[in-house]
PDB file of all heavy atoms in Angstrom:
ATOM      1  N   GLU A   1       8.818  -9.813  -0.741  1.00  0.00           N
ATOM      2  CA  GLU A   1       7.341 -10.104  -0.665  1.00  0.00           C
ATOM      3  C   GLU A   1       6.560  -8.983  -1.136  1.00  0.00           C
ATOM      4  O   GLU A   1       6.892  -7.770  -1.034  1.00  0.00           O
ATOM      5  CB  GLU A   1       6.897 -10.491   0.688  1.00  0.00           C
ATOM      6  CG  GLU A   1       6.984  -9.236   1.728  1.00  0.00           C
ATOM      7  CD  GLU A   1       6.233  -9.671   2.984  1.00  0.00           C
ATOM      8  OE1 GLU A   1       5.394 -10.571   2.986  1.00  0.00           O
ATOM      9  OE2 GLU A   1       6.528  -8.900   4.005  1.00  0.00           O
ATOM     10  N   LEU A   2       5.449  -9.296  -1.805  1.00  0.00           N
ATOM     11  CA  LEU A   2       4.472  -8.228  -2.361  1.00  0.00           C
ATOM     12  C   LEU A   2       3.554  -7.854  -1.097  1.00  0.00           C
ATOM     13  O   LEU A   2       2.990  -8.628  -0.450  1.00  0.00           O
ATOM     14  CB  LEU A   2       3.563  -8.924  -3.447  1.00  0.00           C
ATOM     15  CG  LEU A   2       2.432  -7.976  -3.912  1.00  0.00           C
ATOM     16  CD1 LEU A   2       3.016  -6.685  -4.629  1.00  0.00           C
ATOM     17  CD2 LEU A   2       1.541  -8.658  -4.871  1.00  0.00           C
ATOM     18  N   VAL A   3       3.538  -6.610  -0.913  1.00  0.00           N
ATOM     19  CA  VAL A   3       2.811  -6.104   0.232  1.00  0.00           C
ATOM     20  C   VAL A   3       1.526  -5.383  -0.223  1.00  0.00           C
ATOM     21  O   VAL A   3       0.452  -5.535   0.515  1.00  0.00           O
ATOM     22  CB  VAL A   3       3.527  -5.069   1.204  1.00  0.00           C
ATOM     23  CG1 VAL A   3       4.736  -5.863   1.816  1.00  0.00           C
ATOM     24  CG2 VAL A   3       3.998  -3.846   0.488  1.00  0.00           C
ATOM     25  N   ALA A   4       1.486  -4.847  -1.316  1.00  0.00           N
ATOM     26  CA  ALA A   4       0.179  -4.208  -1.725  1.00  0.00           C
ATOM     27  C   ALA A   4       0.262  -3.894  -3.300  1.00  0.00           C
ATOM     28  O   ALA A   4       1.391  -3.758  -3.738  1.00  0.00           O
ATOM     29  CB  ALA A   4       0.064  -2.820  -1.036  1.00  0.00           C
ATOM     30  N   SER A   5      -0.998  -3.980  -3.839  1.00  0.00           N
ATOM     31  CA  SER A   5      -1.026  -3.616  -5.355  1.00  0.00           C
ATOM     32  C   SER A   5      -2.292  -2.856  -5.582  1.00  0.00           C
ATOM     33  O   SER A   5      -3.222  -2.916  -4.743  1.00  0.00           O
ATOM     34  CB  SER A   5      -1.048  -4.924  -6.177  1.00  0.00           C
ATOM     35  OG  SER A   5      -2.084  -5.761  -5.783  1.00  0.00           O
ATOM     36  N   ILE A   6      -2.240  -2.126  -6.727  1.00  0.00           N
ATOM     37  CA  ILE A   6      -3.507  -1.310  -6.980  1.00  0.00           C
ATOM     38  C   ILE A   6      -3.694  -1.295  -8.424  1.00  0.00           C
ATOM     39  O   ILE A   6      -2.666  -1.212  -9.278  1.00  0.00           O
ATOM     40  CB  ILE A   6      -3.351   0.108  -6.437  1.00  0.00           C
ATOM     41  CG1 ILE A   6      -4.622   0.838  -6.560  1.00  0.00           C
ATOM     42  CG2 ILE A   6      -2.104   0.798  -6.966  1.00  0.00           C
ATOM     43  CD1 ILE A   6      -4.698   2.156  -5.729  1.00  0.00           C
ATOM     44  N   THR A   7      -4.901  -1.587  -8.826  1.00  0.00           N
ATOM     45  CA  THR A   7      -5.200  -1.624 -10.357  1.00  0.00           C
ATOM     46  C   THR A   7      -5.322  -0.195 -10.898  1.00  0.00           C
ATOM     47  O   THR A   7      -5.305   0.796 -10.081  1.00  0.00           O
ATOM     48  CB  THR A   7      -6.598  -2.317 -10.481  1.00  0.00           C
ATOM     49  OG1 THR A   7      -7.636  -1.540  -9.932  1.00  0.00           O
ATOM     50  CG2 THR A   7      -6.631  -3.672  -9.874  1.00  0.00           C
ATOM     51  N   SER A   8      -5.438  -0.059 -12.157  1.00  0.00           N
ATOM     52  CA  SER A   8      -5.678   1.208 -12.770  1.00  0.00           C
ATOM     53  C   SER A   8      -6.832   1.926 -12.343  1.00  0.00           C
ATOM     54  O   SER A   8      -6.844   3.147 -12.290  1.00  0.00           O
ATOM     55  CB  SER A   8      -5.558   1.061 -14.364  1.00  0.00           C
ATOM     56  OG  SER A   8      -6.777   0.235 -14.664  1.00  0.00           O
ATOM     57  N   GLY A   9      -7.850   1.146 -11.909  1.00  0.00           N
ATOM     58  CA  GLY A   9      -9.036   1.734 -11.403  1.00  0.00           C
ATOM     59  C   GLY A   9      -9.143   2.050  -9.964  1.00  0.00           C
ATOM     60  O   GLY A   9     -10.135   2.643  -9.527  1.00  0.00           O
ATOM     61  N   GLY A  10      -8.036   1.826  -9.340  1.00  0.00           N
ATOM     62  CA  GLY A  10      -7.904   2.174  -7.907  1.00  0.00           C
ATOM     63  C   GLY A  10      -8.194   1.101  -6.846  1.00  0.00           C
ATOM     64  O   GLY A  10      -8.322   1.445  -5.669  1.00  0.00           O
ATOM     65  N   MET A  11      -8.445  -0.069  -7.374  1.00  0.00           N
ATOM     66  CA  MET A  11      -8.725  -1.256  -6.363  1.00  0.00           C
ATOM     67  C   MET A  11      -7.481  -1.708  -5.817  1.00  0.00           C
ATOM     68  O   MET A  11      -6.654  -2.190  -6.463  1.00  0.00           O
ATOM     69  CB  MET A  11      -9.549  -2.260  -7.088  1.00  0.00           C
ATOM     70  CG  MET A  11     -10.034  -3.308  -6.151  1.00  0.00           C
ATOM     71  SD  MET A  11     -11.284  -4.467  -6.890  1.00  0.00           S
ATOM     72  CE  MET A  11     -12.699  -3.280  -7.013  1.00  0.00           C
ATOM     73  N   ALA A  12      -7.416  -1.622  -4.469  1.00  0.00           N
ATOM     74  CA  ALA A  12      -6.025  -2.041  -3.871  1.00  0.00           C
ATOM     75  C   ALA A  12      -6.310  -3.498  -3.063  1.00  0.00           C
ATOM     76  O   ALA A  12      -7.266  -3.821  -2.620  1.00  0.00           O
ATOM     77  CB  ALA A  12      -5.685  -1.002  -2.876  1.00  0.00           C
ATOM     78  N   ASP A  13      -5.238  -4.192  -2.996  1.00  0.00           N
ATOM     79  CA  ASP A  13      -5.157  -5.399  -2.323  1.00  0.00           C
ATOM     80  C   ASP A  13      -3.855  -5.454  -1.481  1.00  0.00           C
ATOM     81  O   ASP A  13      -2.807  -4.842  -1.802  1.00  0.00           O
ATOM     82  CB  ASP A  13      -5.157  -6.633  -3.343  1.00  0.00           C
ATOM     83  CG  ASP A  13      -5.450  -7.898  -2.691  1.00  0.00           C
ATOM     84  OD1 ASP A  13      -5.992  -7.836  -1.539  1.00  0.00           O
ATOM     85  OD2 ASP A  13      -5.098  -8.912  -3.204  1.00  0.00           O
ATOM     86  N   TYR A  14      -3.951  -6.182  -0.415  1.00  0.00           N
ATOM     87  CA  TYR A  14      -2.820  -6.067   0.656  1.00  0.00           C
ATOM     88  C   TYR A  14      -2.504  -7.501   1.052  1.00  0.00           C
ATOM     89  O   TYR A  14      -3.496  -8.375   1.306  1.00  0.00           O
ATOM     90  CB  TYR A  14      -3.267  -5.383   1.808  1.00  0.00           C
ATOM     91  CG  TYR A  14      -3.674  -3.932   1.407  1.00  0.00           C
ATOM     92  CD1 TYR A  14      -4.964  -3.585   1.319  1.00  0.00           C
ATOM     93  CD2 TYR A  14      -2.619  -2.823   1.323  1.00  0.00           C
ATOM     94  CE1 TYR A  14      -5.466  -2.252   0.847  1.00  0.00           C
ATOM     95  CE2 TYR A  14      -3.083  -1.555   0.903  1.00  0.00           C
ATOM     96  CZ  TYR A  14      -4.405  -1.329   0.770  1.00  0.00           C
ATOM     97  OH  TYR A  14      -4.787  -0.054   0.432  1.00  0.00           O
ATOM     98  N   THR A  15      -1.291  -7.733   1.369  1.00  0.00           N
ATOM     99  CA  THR A  15      -0.996  -9.020   2.123  1.00  0.00           C
ATOM    100  C   THR A  15      -1.488  -8.864   3.489  1.00  0.00           C
ATOM    101  O   THR A  15      -1.716  -7.817   4.053  1.00  0.00           O
ATOM    102  CB  THR A  15       0.570  -9.245   2.127  1.00  0.00           C
ATOM    103  OG1 THR A  15       0.809 -10.561   2.602  1.00  0.00           O
ATOM    104  CG2 THR A  15       1.288  -8.222   3.029  1.00  0.00           C
ATOM    105  N   GLU A  16      -1.864 -10.111   4.080  1.00  0.00           N
ATOM    106  CA  GLU A  16      -2.511 -10.164   5.298  1.00  0.00           C
ATOM    107  C   GLU A  16      -1.733  -9.308   6.509  1.00  0.00           C
ATOM    108  O   GLU A  16      -2.454  -8.768   7.280  1.00  0.00           O
ATOM    109  CB  GLU A  16      -2.725 -11.576   5.803  1.00  0.00           C
ATOM    110  CG  GLU A  16      -3.736 -11.903   6.868  1.00  0.00           C
ATOM    111  CD  GLU A  16      -5.205 -11.463   6.474  1.00  0.00           C
ATOM    112  OE1 GLU A  16      -5.459 -11.628   5.247  1.00  0.00           O
ATOM    113  OE2 GLU A  16      -5.876 -10.870   7.242  1.00  0.00           O
ATOM    114  N   SER A  17      -0.458  -9.358   6.494  1.00  0.00           N
ATOM    115  CA  SER A  17       0.195  -8.791   7.629  1.00  0.00           C
ATOM    116  C   SER A  17       0.223  -7.307   7.636  1.00  0.00           C
ATOM    117  O   SER A  17       0.539  -6.697   8.692  1.00  0.00           O
ATOM    118  CB  SER A  17       1.654  -9.374   7.657  1.00  0.00           C
ATOM    119  OG  SER A  17       2.311  -8.811   6.522  1.00  0.00           O
ATOM    120  N   VAL A  18      -0.300  -6.710   6.597  1.00  0.00           N
ATOM    121  CA  VAL A  18      -0.270  -5.188   6.572  1.00  0.00           C
ATOM    122  C   VAL A  18      -1.756  -4.642   6.486  1.00  0.00           C
ATOM    123  O   VAL A  18      -1.874  -3.454   6.531  1.00  0.00           O
ATOM    124  CB  VAL A  18       0.583  -4.722   5.461  1.00  0.00           C
ATOM    125  CG1 VAL A  18       1.937  -5.214   5.503  1.00  0.00           C
ATOM    126  CG2 VAL A  18      -0.075  -4.890   4.108  1.00  0.00           C
ATOM    127  N   LYS A  19      -2.721  -5.573   6.396  1.00  0.00           N
ATOM    128  CA  LYS A  19      -4.122  -5.079   6.249  1.00  0.00           C
ATOM    129  C   LYS A  19      -4.537  -4.233   7.528  1.00  0.00           C
ATOM    130  O   LYS A  19      -4.219  -4.591   8.658  1.00  0.00           O
ATOM    131  CB  LYS A  19      -4.920  -6.233   6.165  1.00  0.00           C
ATOM    132  CG  LYS A  19      -4.977  -6.833   4.709  1.00  0.00           C
ATOM    133  CD  LYS A  19      -5.935  -7.968   4.667  1.00  0.00           C
ATOM    134  CE  LYS A  19      -6.045  -8.537   3.182  1.00  0.00           C
ATOM    135  NZ  LYS A  19      -6.865  -9.674   3.014  1.00  0.00           N
ATOM    136  N   GLY A  20      -5.066  -3.104   7.219  1.00  0.00           N
ATOM    137  CA  GLY A  20      -5.523  -2.209   8.418  1.00  0.00           C
ATOM    138  C   GLY A  20      -4.484  -1.232   8.672  1.00  0.00           C
ATOM    139  O   GLY A  20      -4.748  -0.231   9.376  1.00  0.00           O
ATOM    140  N   ARG A  21      -3.241  -1.403   8.163  1.00  0.00           N
ATOM    141  CA  ARG A  21      -2.119  -0.399   8.599  1.00  0.00           C
ATOM    142  C   ARG A  21      -1.572   0.198   7.290  1.00  0.00           C
ATOM    143  O   ARG A  21      -1.051   1.336   7.355  1.00  0.00           O
ATOM    144  CB  ARG A  21      -1.008  -1.194   9.169  1.00  0.00           C
ATOM    145  CG  ARG A  21      -1.404  -1.874  10.604  1.00  0.00           C
ATOM    146  CD  ARG A  21      -0.195  -2.422  11.301  1.00  0.00           C
ATOM    147  NE  ARG A  21       0.479  -3.302  10.520  1.00  0.00           N
ATOM    148  CZ  ARG A  21       1.857  -3.225  10.128  1.00  0.00           C
ATOM    149  NH1 ARG A  21       2.481  -2.139  10.455  1.00  0.00           N
ATOM    150  NH2 ARG A  21       2.321  -4.262   9.505  1.00  0.00           N
ATOM    151  N   PHE A  22      -1.577  -0.476   6.234  1.00  0.00           N
ATOM    152  CA  PHE A  22      -1.147   0.176   4.970  1.00  0.00           C
ATOM    153  C   PHE A  22      -2.236   0.425   3.979  1.00  0.00           C
ATOM    154  O   PHE A  22      -3.229  -0.227   3.884  1.00  0.00           O
ATOM    155  CB  PHE A  22      -0.264  -0.897   4.229  1.00  0.00           C
ATOM    156  CG  PHE A  22       1.059  -1.284   4.780  1.00  0.00           C
ATOM    157  CD1 PHE A  22       1.344  -1.051   6.141  1.00  0.00           C
ATOM    158  CD2 PHE A  22       2.088  -1.704   4.040  1.00  0.00           C
ATOM    159  CE1 PHE A  22       2.594  -1.366   6.652  1.00  0.00           C
ATOM    160  CE2 PHE A  22       3.396  -2.058   4.501  1.00  0.00           C
ATOM    161  CZ  PHE A  22       3.565  -1.815   5.869  1.00  0.00           C
ATOM    162  N   THR A  23      -2.074   1.655   3.382  1.00  0.00           N
ATOM    163  CA  THR A  23      -3.243   2.164   2.445  1.00  0.00           C
ATOM    164  C   THR A  23      -2.374   2.510   1.150  1.00  0.00           C
ATOM    165  O   THR A  23      -1.497   3.417   1.244  1.00  0.00           O
ATOM    166  CB  THR A  23      -3.964   3.269   2.921  1.00  0.00           C
ATOM    167  OG1 THR A  23      -4.532   2.868   4.233  1.00  0.00           O
ATOM    168  CG2 THR A  23      -4.982   3.571   1.980  1.00  0.00           C
ATOM    169  N   LEU A  24      -2.795   1.957   0.040  1.00  0.00           N
ATOM    170  CA  LEU A  24      -2.183   2.194  -1.177  1.00  0.00           C
ATOM    171  C   LEU A  24      -3.142   3.065  -2.132  1.00  0.00           C
ATOM    172  O   LEU A  24      -4.215   2.586  -2.299  1.00  0.00           O
ATOM    173  CB  LEU A  24      -1.762   0.943  -2.059  1.00  0.00           C
ATOM    174  CG  LEU A  24      -1.050   0.945  -3.314  1.00  0.00           C
ATOM    175  CD1 LEU A  24       0.113   1.912  -3.212  1.00  0.00           C
ATOM    176  CD2 LEU A  24      -0.627  -0.370  -3.828  1.00  0.00           C
ATOM    177  N   THR A  25      -2.715   4.016  -2.603  1.00  0.00           N
ATOM    178  CA  THR A  25      -3.507   4.956  -3.547  1.00  0.00           C
ATOM    179  C   THR A  25      -2.744   5.375  -4.678  1.00  0.00           C
ATOM    180  O   THR A  25      -1.567   5.315  -4.707  1.00  0.00           O
ATOM    181  CB  THR A  25      -4.038   6.184  -2.708  1.00  0.00           C
ATOM    182  OG1 THR A  25      -2.977   6.933  -2.197  1.00  0.00           O
ATOM    183  CG2 THR A  25      -4.990   5.790  -1.658  1.00  0.00           C
ATOM    184  N   ARG A  26      -3.434   5.883  -5.698  1.00  0.00           N
ATOM    185  CA  ARG A  26      -2.683   6.369  -6.952  1.00  0.00           C
ATOM    186  C   ARG A  26      -3.351   7.542  -7.440  1.00  0.00           C
ATOM    187  O   ARG A  26      -4.457   7.843  -7.196  1.00  0.00           O
ATOM    188  CB  ARG A  26      -2.730   5.312  -7.945  1.00  0.00           C
ATOM    189  CG  ARG A  26      -4.023   4.890  -8.543  1.00  0.00           C
ATOM    190  CD  ARG A  26      -3.944   3.662  -9.487  1.00  0.00           C
ATOM    191  NE  ARG A  26      -3.171   3.967 -10.734  1.00  0.00           N
ATOM    192  CZ  ARG A  26      -2.559   2.961 -11.390  1.00  0.00           C
ATOM    193  NH1 ARG A  26      -2.695   1.704 -11.096  1.00  0.00           N
ATOM    194  NH2 ARG A  26      -1.926   3.309 -12.570  1.00  0.00           N
ATOM    195  N   ASP A  27      -2.481   8.395  -8.158  1.00  0.00           N
ATOM    196  CA  ASP A  27      -2.927   9.675  -8.588  1.00  0.00           C
ATOM    197  C   ASP A  27      -2.461   9.431 -10.144  1.00  0.00           C
ATOM    198  O   ASP A  27      -1.349   9.665 -10.523  1.00  0.00           O
ATOM    199  CB  ASP A  27      -2.180  10.901  -7.985  1.00  0.00           C
ATOM    200  CG  ASP A  27      -2.734  12.220  -8.556  1.00  0.00           C
ATOM    201  OD1 ASP A  27      -3.128  12.278  -9.704  1.00  0.00           O
ATOM    202  OD2 ASP A  27      -2.682  13.214  -7.731  1.00  0.00           O
ATOM    203  N   ASN A  28      -3.461   9.105 -10.889  1.00  0.00           N
ATOM    204  CA  ASN A  28      -3.056   8.957 -12.354  1.00  0.00           C
ATOM    205  C   ASN A  28      -2.598  10.092 -13.075  1.00  0.00           C
ATOM    206  O   ASN A  28      -1.515   9.911 -13.828  1.00  0.00           O
ATOM    207  CB  ASN A  28      -4.338   8.278 -13.071  1.00  0.00           C
ATOM    208  CG  ASN A  28      -4.607   6.871 -12.551  1.00  0.00           C
ATOM    209  OD1 ASN A  28      -3.570   6.137 -12.159  1.00  0.00           O
ATOM    210  ND2 ASN A  28      -5.812   6.415 -12.704  1.00  0.00           N
ATOM    211  N   PRO A  29      -3.151  11.280 -12.932  1.00  0.00           N
ATOM    212  CA  PRO A  29      -2.571  12.379 -13.692  1.00  0.00           C
ATOM    213  C   PRO A  29      -1.155  12.740 -13.179  1.00  0.00           C
ATOM    214  O   PRO A  29      -0.425  13.199 -14.091  1.00  0.00           O
ATOM    215  CB  PRO A  29      -3.505  13.565 -13.283  1.00  0.00           C
ATOM    216  CG  PRO A  29      -4.736  12.904 -12.867  1.00  0.00           C
ATOM    217  CD  PRO A  29      -4.300  11.564 -12.354  1.00  0.00           C
ATOM    218  N   LYS A  30      -0.812  12.435 -12.014  1.00  0.00           N
ATOM    219  CA  LYS A  30       0.538  12.714 -11.602  1.00  0.00           C
ATOM    220  C   LYS A  30       1.431  11.394 -11.706  1.00  0.00           C
ATOM    221  O   LYS A  30       2.700  11.503 -11.394  1.00  0.00           O
ATOM    222  CB  LYS A  30       0.627  13.054  -9.996  1.00  0.00           C
ATOM    223  CG  LYS A  30      -0.032  14.401  -9.796  1.00  0.00           C
ATOM    224  CD  LYS A  30       0.077  14.772  -8.239  1.00  0.00           C
ATOM    225  CE  LYS A  30      -0.421  16.118  -8.024  1.00  0.00           C
ATOM    226  NZ  LYS A  30      -0.399  16.511  -6.597  1.00  0.00           N
ATOM    227  N   LYS A  31       0.891  10.288 -12.163  1.00  0.00           N
ATOM    228  CA  LYS A  31       1.642   9.117 -12.438  1.00  0.00           C
ATOM    229  C   LYS A  31       2.367   8.676 -11.055  1.00  0.00           C
ATOM    230  O   LYS A  31       3.531   8.254 -11.194  1.00  0.00           O
ATOM    231  CB  LYS A  31       2.611   9.230 -13.541  1.00  0.00           C
ATOM    232  CG  LYS A  31       1.957   9.519 -14.951  1.00  0.00           C
ATOM    233  CD  LYS A  31       3.061   9.648 -16.086  1.00  0.00           C
ATOM    234  CE  LYS A  31       2.369  10.012 -17.329  1.00  0.00           C
ATOM    235  NZ  LYS A  31       3.469  10.104 -18.298  1.00  0.00           N
ATOM    236  N   THR A  32       1.661   8.817 -10.038  1.00  0.00           N
ATOM    237  CA  THR A  32       2.301   8.550  -8.766  1.00  0.00           C
ATOM    238  C   THR A  32       1.404   7.632  -7.880  1.00  0.00           C
ATOM    239  O   THR A  32       0.156   7.823  -7.928  1.00  0.00           O
ATOM    240  CB  THR A  32       2.638   9.798  -8.052  1.00  0.00           C
ATOM    241  OG1 THR A  32       3.372  10.642  -8.784  1.00  0.00           O
ATOM    242  CG2 THR A  32       3.200   9.578  -6.783  1.00  0.00           C
ATOM    243  N   VAL A  33       1.983   6.688  -7.190  1.00  0.00           N
ATOM    244  CA  VAL A  33       1.309   5.880  -6.137  1.00  0.00           C
ATOM    245  C   VAL A  33       1.906   6.248  -4.843  1.00  0.00           C
ATOM    246  O   VAL A  33       3.104   6.635  -4.627  1.00  0.00           O
ATOM    247  CB  VAL A  33       1.522   4.414  -6.426  1.00  0.00           C
ATOM    248  CG1 VAL A  33       0.674   4.037  -7.796  1.00  0.00           C
ATOM    249  CG2 VAL A  33       2.901   3.925  -6.443  1.00  0.00           C
ATOM    250  N   TYR A  34       1.025   6.172  -3.790  1.00  0.00           N
ATOM    251  CA  TYR A  34       1.355   6.447  -2.413  1.00  0.00           C
ATOM    252  C   TYR A  34       1.041   5.354  -1.581  1.00  0.00           C
ATOM    253  O   TYR A  34       0.014   4.699  -1.705  1.00  0.00           O
ATOM    254  CB  TYR A  34       0.617   7.738  -1.955  1.00  0.00           C
ATOM    255  CG  TYR A  34       0.792   8.939  -2.914  1.00  0.00           C
ATOM    256  CD1 TYR A  34      -0.171   9.229  -3.930  1.00  0.00           C
ATOM    257  CD2 TYR A  34       1.963   9.734  -2.759  1.00  0.00           C
ATOM    258  CE1 TYR A  34      -0.086  10.340  -4.567  1.00  0.00           C
ATOM    259  CE2 TYR A  34       2.032  10.819  -3.500  1.00  0.00           C
ATOM    260  CZ  TYR A  34       1.130  11.078  -4.552  1.00  0.00           C
ATOM    261  OH  TYR A  34       1.249  12.143  -5.321  1.00  0.00           O
ATOM    262  N   LEU A  35       2.010   4.981  -0.732  1.00  0.00           N
ATOM    263  CA  LEU A  35       1.816   3.876   0.346  1.00  0.00           C
ATOM    264  C   LEU A  35       1.862   4.536   1.636  1.00  0.00           C
ATOM    265  O   LEU A  35       2.873   4.905   2.115  1.00  0.00           O
ATOM    266  CB  LEU A  35       2.806   2.838   0.196  1.00  0.00           C
ATOM    267  CG  LEU A  35       2.508   1.665   1.019  1.00  0.00           C
ATOM    268  CD1 LEU A  35       1.336   0.887   0.663  1.00  0.00           C
ATOM    269  CD2 LEU A  35       3.826   0.625   1.060  1.00  0.00           C
ATOM    270  N   GLN A  36       0.704   4.672   2.172  1.00  0.00           N
ATOM    271  CA  GLN A  36       0.633   5.228   3.623  1.00  0.00           C
ATOM    272  C   GLN A  36       0.793   3.981   4.634  1.00  0.00           C
ATOM    273  O   GLN A  36      -0.032   3.090   4.497  1.00  0.00           O
ATOM    274  CB  GLN A  36      -0.730   5.860   3.900  1.00  0.00           C
ATOM    275  CG  GLN A  36      -0.951   6.478   5.267  1.00  0.00           C
ATOM    276  CD  GLN A  36       0.070   7.637   5.562  1.00  0.00           C
ATOM    277  OE1 GLN A  36       0.249   8.477   4.740  1.00  0.00           O
ATOM    278  NE2 GLN A  36       0.514   7.719   6.776  1.00  0.00           N
ATOM    279  N   ILE A  37       1.763   4.182   5.431  1.00  0.00           N
ATOM    280  CA  ILE A  37       2.058   3.137   6.358  1.00  0.00           C
ATOM    281  C   ILE A  37       1.867   3.589   7.729  1.00  0.00           C
ATOM    282  O   ILE A  37       2.553   4.621   8.241  1.00  0.00           O
ATOM    283  CB  ILE A  37       3.541   2.471   6.252  1.00  0.00           C
ATOM    284  CG1 ILE A  37       3.694   2.319   4.862  1.00  0.00           C
ATOM    285  CG2 ILE A  37       3.701   1.354   7.045  1.00  0.00           C
ATOM    286  CD1 ILE A  37       5.215   1.903   4.539  1.00  0.00           C
ATOM    287  N   ASN A  38       0.962   3.008   8.451  1.00  0.00           N
ATOM    288  CA  ASN A  38       0.629   3.484   9.945  1.00  0.00           C
ATOM    289  C   ASN A  38       0.967   2.302  10.918  1.00  0.00           C
ATOM    290  O   ASN A  38       1.176   1.270  10.449  1.00  0.00           O
ATOM    291  CB  ASN A  38      -0.849   3.998  10.060  1.00  0.00           C
ATOM    292  CG  ASN A  38      -1.205   5.062   9.156  1.00  0.00           C
ATOM    293  OD1 ASN A  38      -0.381   5.950   8.961  1.00  0.00           O
ATOM    294  ND2 ASN A  38      -2.452   5.088   8.722  1.00  0.00           N
ATOM    295  N   SER A  39       1.034   2.737  12.149  1.00  0.00           N
ATOM    296  CA  SER A  39       1.319   1.721  13.307  1.00  0.00           C
ATOM    297  C   SER A  39       2.567   0.725  12.866  1.00  0.00           C
ATOM    298  O   SER A  39       2.376  -0.330  12.945  1.00  0.00           O
ATOM    299  CB  SER A  39       0.113   0.829  13.469  1.00  0.00           C
ATOM    300  OG  SER A  39      -1.045   1.755  13.860  1.00  0.00           O
ATOM    301  N   LEU A  40       3.547   1.512  12.481  1.00  0.00           N
ATOM    302  CA  LEU A  40       4.799   0.713  12.030  1.00  0.00           C
ATOM    303  C   LEU A  40       5.366  -0.163  13.099  1.00  0.00           C
ATOM    304  O   LEU A  40       5.334   0.221  14.394  1.00  0.00           O
ATOM    305  CB  LEU A  40       5.814   1.652  11.504  1.00  0.00           C
ATOM    306  CG  LEU A  40       5.655   2.145  10.121  1.00  0.00           C
ATOM    307  CD1 LEU A  40       6.319   3.454   9.781  1.00  0.00           C
ATOM    308  CD2 LEU A  40       6.078   1.056   9.186  1.00  0.00           C
ATOM    309  N   LYS A  41       5.765  -1.358  12.729  1.00  0.00           N
ATOM    310  CA  LYS A  41       6.362  -2.379  13.684  1.00  0.00           C
ATOM    311  C   LYS A  41       7.830  -2.558  13.234  1.00  0.00           C
ATOM    312  O   LYS A  41       8.173  -2.368  12.090  1.00  0.00           O
ATOM    313  CB  LYS A  41       5.536  -3.590  13.458  1.00  0.00           C
ATOM    314  CG  LYS A  41       4.102  -3.453  13.825  1.00  0.00           C
ATOM    315  CD  LYS A  41       3.392  -4.766  13.553  1.00  0.00           C
ATOM    316  CE  LYS A  41       1.848  -4.651  13.903  1.00  0.00           C
ATOM    317  NZ  LYS A  41       1.220  -5.913  13.727  1.00  0.00           N
ATOM    318  N   PRO A  42       8.610  -3.049  14.148  1.00  0.00           N
ATOM    319  CA  PRO A  42      10.088  -3.356  13.784  1.00  0.00           C
ATOM    320  C   PRO A  42      10.120  -4.307  12.628  1.00  0.00           C
ATOM    321  O   PRO A  42      11.029  -4.355  11.761  1.00  0.00           O
ATOM    322  CB  PRO A  42      10.582  -3.915  15.095  1.00  0.00           C
ATOM    323  CG  PRO A  42       9.743  -3.371  16.133  1.00  0.00           C
ATOM    324  CD  PRO A  42       8.423  -3.127  15.647  1.00  0.00           C
ATOM    325  N   GLU A  43       9.123  -5.295  12.606  1.00  0.00           N
ATOM    326  CA  GLU A  43       9.187  -6.238  11.413  1.00  0.00           C
ATOM    327  C   GLU A  43       8.763  -5.562  10.173  1.00  0.00           C
ATOM    328  O   GLU A  43       8.861  -6.369   9.078  1.00  0.00           O
ATOM    329  CB  GLU A  43       8.168  -7.390  11.747  1.00  0.00           C
ATOM    330  CG  GLU A  43       6.811  -6.980  12.103  1.00  0.00           C
ATOM    331  CD  GLU A  43       6.708  -6.980  13.645  1.00  0.00           C
ATOM    332  OE1 GLU A  43       7.491  -6.507  14.396  1.00  0.00           O
ATOM    333  OE2 GLU A  43       5.557  -7.511  14.209  1.00  0.00           O
ATOM    334  N   ASP A  44       8.385  -4.339  10.046  1.00  0.00           N
ATOM    335  CA  ASP A  44       8.199  -3.703   8.777  1.00  0.00           C
ATOM    336  C   ASP A  44       9.489  -3.231   8.095  1.00  0.00           C
ATOM    337  O   ASP A  44       9.495  -2.643   7.036  1.00  0.00           O
ATOM    338  CB  ASP A  44       7.274  -2.522   8.982  1.00  0.00           C
ATOM    339  CG  ASP A  44       5.791  -2.907   9.269  1.00  0.00           C
ATOM    340  OD1 ASP A  44       5.286  -3.953   8.703  1.00  0.00           O
ATOM    341  OD2 ASP A  44       5.218  -2.269  10.222  1.00  0.00           O
ATOM    342  N   THR A  45      10.558  -3.257   8.932  1.00  0.00           N
ATOM    343  CA  THR A  45      11.831  -2.811   8.444  1.00  0.00           C
ATOM    344  C   THR A  45      12.356  -3.604   7.183  1.00  0.00           C
ATOM    345  O   THR A  45      12.249  -4.825   7.178  1.00  0.00           O
ATOM    346  CB  THR A  45      12.903  -3.088   9.543  1.00  0.00           C
ATOM    347  OG1 THR A  45      12.653  -2.127  10.482  1.00  0.00           O
ATOM    348  CG2 THR A  45      14.311  -2.742   9.191  1.00  0.00           C
ATOM    349  N   ALA A  46      12.566  -2.836   6.118  1.00  0.00           N
ATOM    350  CA  ALA A  46      12.872  -3.558   4.842  1.00  0.00           C
ATOM    351  C   ALA A  46      13.186  -2.430   3.873  1.00  0.00           C
ATOM    352  O   ALA A  46      12.978  -1.252   4.119  1.00  0.00           O
ATOM    353  CB  ALA A  46      11.673  -4.295   4.380  1.00  0.00           C
TER     354      ALA A  46
END
């Protein structure tokens, strides 16, 4: 399942089950994206 996506301009979208807990950001010069996951639940195991 898709949990999060982010456009080149930095606009992020999330699946409902992770909203408020997951934060997706990107650093374009470093060509890197980061997914911060807080308040982890057993059902996040994957």
